[in-house]
C-alpha atoms as a PDB file:
ATOM      1  CA  MET A   1      28.935   1.393 -10.298  1.00  0.00           C
ATOM      2  CA  ILE A   2      31.280   0.140  -7.656  1.00  0.00           C
ATOM      3  CA  THR A   3      32.546  -3.407  -7.998  1.00  0.00           C
ATOM      4  CA  HIS A   4      33.386  -5.738  -5.169  1.00  0.00           C
ATOM      5  CA  GLU A   5      37.086  -5.307  -5.998  1.00  0.00           C
ATOM      6  CA  SER A   6      36.995  -1.494  -6.018  1.00  0.00           C
ATOM      7  CA  LEU A   7      35.029  -1.497  -2.753  1.00  0.00           C
ATOM      8  CA  GLN A   8      37.654  -3.779  -1.249  1.00  0.00           C
ATOM      9  CA  GLU A   9      40.368  -1.371  -2.445  1.00  0.00           C
ATOM     10  CA  LEU A  10      38.602   1.506  -0.653  1.00  0.00           C
ATOM     11  CA  ILE A  11      38.338  -0.586   2.504  1.00  0.00           C
ATOM     12  CA  ASP A  12      42.014  -1.560   2.299  1.00  0.00           C
ATOM     13  CA  LYS A  13      43.033   2.134   1.992  1.00  0.00           C
ATOM     14  CA  GLN A  14      41.179   3.030   5.209  1.00  0.00           C
ATOM     15  CA  THR A  15      43.399   4.145   8.061  1.00  0.00           C
ATOM     16  CA  SER A  16      42.781   2.240  11.246  1.00  0.00           C
ATOM     17  CA  ASN A  17      40.872   4.055  14.021  1.00  0.00           C
ATOM     18  CA  THR A  18      39.620   6.850  11.757  1.00  0.00           C
ATOM     19  CA  SER A  19      36.312   7.793  10.176  1.00  0.00           C
ATOM     20  CA  LEU A  20      35.458   6.319   6.831  1.00  0.00           C
ATOM     21  CA  THR A  21      36.420   8.414   3.834  1.00  0.00           C
ATOM     22  CA  GLN A  22      33.707  10.692   2.453  1.00  0.00           C
ATOM     23  CA  ARG A  23      32.903   8.380  -0.453  1.00  0.00           C
ATOM     24  CA  PHE A  24      31.453   5.795   1.927  1.00  0.00           C
ATOM     25  CA  TYR A  25      28.820   8.350   2.949  1.00  0.00           C
ATOM     26  CA  THR A  26      28.085   9.984  -0.401  1.00  0.00           C
ATOM     27  CA  ASP A  27      28.583   7.448  -3.199  1.00  0.00           C
ATOM     28  CA  SER A  28      25.217   6.147  -4.428  1.00  0.00           C
ATOM     29  CA  SER A  29      26.772   2.934  -5.754  1.00  0.00           C
ATOM     30  CA  ILE A  30      28.138   2.115  -2.277  1.00  0.00           C
ATOM     31  CA  TYR A  31      24.688   2.831  -0.862  1.00  0.00           C
ATOM     32  CA  ARG A  32      23.112   0.449  -3.427  1.00  0.00           C
ATOM     33  CA  HIS A  33      25.752  -2.178  -2.665  1.00  0.00           C
ATOM     34  CA  ASP A  34      24.975  -1.928   1.058  1.00  0.00           C
ATOM     35  CA  LEU A  35      21.231  -2.234   0.422  1.00  0.00           C
ATOM     36  CA  GLN A  36      21.654  -5.310  -1.779  1.00  0.00           C
ATOM     37  CA  SER A  37      24.304  -7.113   0.246  1.00  0.00           C
ATOM     38  CA  VAL A  38      23.250  -6.227   3.795  1.00  0.00           C
ATOM     39  CA  ILE A  39      19.833  -4.638   4.281  1.00  0.00           C
ATOM     40  CA  PHE A  40      17.744  -6.573   1.734  1.00  0.00           C
ATOM     41  CA  ASN A  41      19.192  -9.900   2.911  1.00  0.00           C
ATOM     42  CA  GLN A  42      18.206  -9.428   6.555  1.00  0.00           C
ATOM     43  CA  TRP A  43      14.936  -9.821   8.393  1.00  0.00           C
ATOM     44  CA  LEU A  44      13.752  -6.277   9.100  1.00  0.00           C
ATOM     45  CA  LEU A  45      11.441  -5.403  11.977  1.00  0.00           C
ATOM     46  CA  VAL A  46       8.625  -3.301  10.500  1.00  0.00           C
ATOM     47  CA  ASP A  47       5.878  -3.071  13.145  1.00  0.00           C
ATOM     48  CA  HIS A  48       3.652  -4.925  15.576  1.00  0.00           C
ATOM     49  CA  GLU A  49       0.731  -6.948  14.248  1.00  0.00           C
ATOM     50  CA  SER A  50      -1.695  -4.985  16.412  1.00  0.00           C
ATOM     51  CA  ARG A  51      -1.380  -2.213  13.807  1.00  0.00           C
ATOM     52  CA  ILE A  52      -3.396  -4.433  11.435  1.00  0.00           C
ATOM     53  CA  ALA A  53      -5.655  -6.234  13.888  1.00  0.00           C
ATOM     54  CA  ASN A  54      -8.610  -6.782  11.521  1.00  0.00           C
ATOM     55  CA  PRO A  55      -8.895  -8.357   8.054  1.00  0.00           C
ATOM     56  CA  GLY A  56      -8.257  -5.799   5.325  1.00  0.00           C
ATOM     57  CA  GLU A  57      -6.249  -3.420   7.473  1.00  0.00           C
ATOM     58  CA  TYR A  58      -2.938  -2.599   5.839  1.00  0.00           C
ATOM     59  CA  PHE A  59       0.040  -0.300   5.983  1.00  0.00           C
ATOM     60  CA  LEU A  60       2.931   0.362   3.633  1.00  0.00           C
ATOM     61  CA  PHE A  61       6.560  -0.277   4.473  1.00  0.00           C
ATOM     62  CA  ASP A  62       8.871   1.706   2.204  1.00  0.00           C
ATOM     63  CA  ILE A  63      12.600   1.165   1.998  1.00  0.00           C
ATOM     64  CA  ASP A  64      14.639   2.851  -0.705  1.00  0.00           C
ATOM     65  CA  ASP A  65      12.417   2.642  -3.828  1.00  0.00           C
ATOM     66  CA  GLU A  66      10.631  -0.518  -2.712  1.00  0.00           C
ATOM     67  CA  SER A  67       7.120  -0.348  -1.279  1.00  0.00           C
ATOM     68  CA  ILE A  68       5.603  -3.332   0.512  1.00  0.00           C
ATOM     69  CA  ILE A  69       1.922  -3.783   1.404  1.00  0.00           C
ATOM     70  CA  ILE A  70       1.507  -5.480   4.782  1.00  0.00           C
ATOM     71  CA  ILE A  71      -2.128  -6.577   5.124  1.00  0.00           C
ATOM     72  CA  ARG A  72      -4.204  -8.787   7.413  1.00  0.00           C
ATOM     73  CA  GLY A  73      -5.895 -11.473   5.348  1.00  0.00           C
ATOM     74  CA  ASP A  74      -9.358 -12.938   5.707  1.00  0.00           C
ATOM     75  CA  ASP A  75      -7.560 -16.020   7.059  1.00  0.00           C
ATOM     76  CA  GLY A  76      -6.186 -13.918   9.949  1.00  0.00           C
ATOM     77  CA  GLU A  77      -2.640 -14.208   8.633  1.00  0.00           C
ATOM     78  CA  VAL A  78      -0.321 -11.296   7.890  1.00  0.00           C
ATOM     79  CA  HIS A  79       0.527 -11.096   4.175  1.00  0.00           C
ATOM     80  CA  ALA A  80       3.187  -8.970   2.480  1.00  0.00           C
ATOM     81  CA  HIS A  81       3.263  -8.069  -1.218  1.00  0.00           C
ATOM     82  CA  PHE A  82       5.370  -5.745  -3.300  1.00  0.00           C
ATOM     83  CA  ASN A  83       3.172  -2.715  -4.010  1.00  0.00           C
ATOM     84  CA  VAL A  84       3.290  -3.204  -7.794  1.00  0.00           C
ATOM     85  CA  CYS A  85       0.440  -4.315 -10.048  1.00  0.00           C
ATOM     86  CA  ALA A  86       1.315  -7.300 -12.242  1.00  0.00           C
ATOM     87  CA  HIS A  87      -0.370  -5.627 -15.233  1.00  0.00           C
ATOM     88  CA  ARG A  88       1.352  -2.276 -15.837  1.00  0.00           C
ATOM     89  CA  GLY A  89       3.524  -1.842 -12.753  1.00  0.00           C
ATOM     90  CA  SER A  90       1.437   0.848 -11.088  1.00  0.00           C
ATOM     91  CA  ARG A  91       1.461   1.219  -7.320  1.00  0.00           C
ATOM     92  CA  ILE A  92      -1.668  -0.400  -5.903  1.00  0.00           C
ATOM     93  CA  CYS A  93      -1.912   1.303  -2.525  1.00  0.00           C
ATOM     94  CA  LEU A  94      -1.298   5.033  -2.607  1.00  0.00           C
ATOM     95  CA  GLU A  95      -2.231   5.811   1.003  1.00  0.00           C
ATOM     96  CA  GLU A  96       0.197   4.928   3.798  1.00  0.00           C
ATOM     97  CA  GLU A  97      -2.416   2.864   5.647  1.00  0.00           C
ATOM     98  CA  GLY A  98      -6.088   2.014   5.618  1.00  0.00           C
ATOM     99  CA  THR A  99      -8.596  -0.786   5.190  1.00  0.00           C
ATOM    100  CA  ARG A 100      -9.396  -2.576   1.940  1.00  0.00           C
ATOM    101  CA  ARG A 101     -11.803  -5.351   0.991  1.00  0.00           C
ATOM    102  CA  HIS A 102      -9.672  -5.890  -2.134  1.00  0.00           C
ATOM    103  CA  LEU A 103      -6.400  -4.448  -3.354  1.00  0.00           C
ATOM    104  CA  VAL A 104      -7.421  -2.559  -6.503  1.00  0.00           C
ATOM    105  CA  CYS A 105      -4.932  -1.021  -8.891  1.00  0.00           C
ATOM    106  CA  PRO A 106      -5.891   2.597  -9.659  1.00  0.00           C
ATOM    107  CA  TYR A 107      -4.589   2.320 -13.244  1.00  0.00           C
ATOM    108  CA  HIS A 108      -6.789  -0.365 -14.867  1.00  0.00           C
ATOM    109  CA  ALA A 109      -8.721  -1.575 -11.799  1.00  0.00           C
ATOM    110  CA  TRP A 110      -7.170  -5.028 -11.584  1.00  0.00           C
ATOM    111  CA  SER A 111      -8.377  -6.414  -8.256  1.00  0.00           C
ATOM    112  CA  TYR A 112      -6.385  -8.676  -5.940  1.00  0.00           C
ATOM    113  CA  GLU A 113      -7.416 -10.616  -2.845  1.00  0.00           C
ATOM    114  CA  LYS A 114      -5.639  -9.840   0.415  1.00  0.00           C
ATOM    115  CA  ASN A 115      -3.494 -12.938  -0.129  1.00  0.00           C
ATOM    116  CA  GLY A 116      -2.250 -11.399  -3.390  1.00  0.00           C
ATOM    117  CA  GLN A 117      -4.199 -13.572  -5.829  1.00  0.00           C
ATOM    118  CA  LEU A 118      -5.683 -11.728  -8.819  1.00  0.00           C
ATOM    119  CA  SER A 119      -9.472 -11.936  -8.552  1.00  0.00           C
ATOM    120  CA  SER A 120     -10.885  -9.768 -11.341  1.00  0.00           C
ATOM    121  CA  VAL A 121      -9.786  -7.753 -14.350  1.00  0.00           C
ATOM    122  CA  LYS A 122     -11.427  -5.320 -16.710  1.00  0.00           C
ATOM    123  CA  PHE A 123     -11.046  -5.146 -20.470  1.00  0.00           C
ATOM    124  CA  MET A 124      -9.521  -8.614 -20.849  1.00  0.00           C
ATOM    125  CA  PRO A 125     -10.878 -11.513 -22.935  1.00  0.00           C
ATOM    126  CA  GLU A 126     -13.073 -14.121 -21.232  1.00  0.00           C
ATOM    127  CA  SER A 127     -10.315 -16.679 -21.696  1.00  0.00           C
ATOM    128  CA  PHE A 128      -7.993 -14.667 -19.415  1.00  0.00           C
ATOM    129  CA  ASP A 129      -7.042 -16.852 -16.419  1.00  0.00           C
ATOM    130  CA  CYS A 130      -6.781 -14.812 -13.207  1.00  0.00           C
ATOM    131  CA  SER A 131      -5.558 -17.831 -11.249  1.00  0.00           C
ATOM    132  CA  LYS A 132      -2.147 -17.641 -12.944  1.00  0.00           C
ATOM    133  CA  ILE A 133      -1.374 -14.105 -11.744  1.00  0.00           C
ATOM    134  CA  SER A 134      -0.744 -12.689  -8.298  1.00  0.00           C
ATOM    135  CA  LEU A 135       1.131  -9.907  -6.612  1.00  0.00           C
ATOM    136  CA  LYS A 136       4.791 -10.626  -5.996  1.00  0.00           C
ATOM    137  CA  PRO A 137       5.026 -11.807  -2.391  1.00  0.00           C
ATOM    138  CA  CYS A 138       7.561 -10.534   0.099  1.00  0.00           C
ATOM    139  CA  HIS A 139       8.889 -12.844   2.802  1.00  0.00           C
ATOM    140  CA  VAL A 140       7.020 -12.129   6.030  1.00  0.00           C
ATOM    141  CA  LYS A 141       7.140 -13.708   9.477  1.00  0.00           C
ATOM    142  CA  VAL A 142       5.379 -12.818  12.680  1.00  0.00           C
ATOM    143  CA  HIS A 143       7.192 -13.645  15.913  1.00  0.00           C
ATOM    144  CA  GLN A 144       5.727 -12.756  19.306  1.00  0.00           C
ATOM    145  CA  GLY A 145       3.489 -10.234  17.530  1.00  0.00           C
ATOM    146  CA  LEU A 146       6.361  -8.513  15.713  1.00  0.00           C
ATOM    147  CA  ILE A 147       6.222  -8.362  11.905  1.00  0.00           C
ATOM    148  CA  PHE A 148       9.485  -9.019  10.066  1.00  0.00           C
ATOM    149  CA  LEU A 149      10.139  -8.732   6.320  1.00  0.00           C
ATOM    150  CA  CYS A 150      12.989  -9.967   4.153  1.00  0.00           C
ATOM    151  CA  LEU A 151      13.268  -8.518   0.646  1.00  0.00           C
ATOM    152  CA  SER A 152      15.794 -11.057  -0.682  1.00  0.00           C
ATOM    153  CA  GLN A 153      14.922 -13.440  -3.491  1.00  0.00           C
ATOM    154  CA  GLY A 154      15.736 -16.436  -1.288  1.00  0.00           C
ATOM    155  CA  SER A 155      14.175 -17.081   2.092  1.00  0.00           C
END
């Protein structure tokens, strides 16, 4: 794994007005560093909201190994959730796009509302409280009809 210091050493060794050395294009740790420090901390344009005009319409946005569900809620708002069930980590949506009344995990059939809130579970005790569990949200904003996501932990 490349450290900030070793990356800085590579940058310092670069000759001015030349292409980057091969390692900048092929090293997976530099790629990961770029994703974490640049790409995941920016607002990314993913589509236009007309793609999900009606409640329940969704599409997936995949970047690296992350998959985000972008779905129109019953409230008319655009919601974004990481495509990972809170129970066993299975992907919830397997198709690239479609329409869903609920987001149902194919593994144990945990069911989530379009806003990400867990609504029903199978094979759990009656005392299980669904209100304490939801899909992990992803930062989403709609501006002039354009949908933007930010995958950072902050906002």
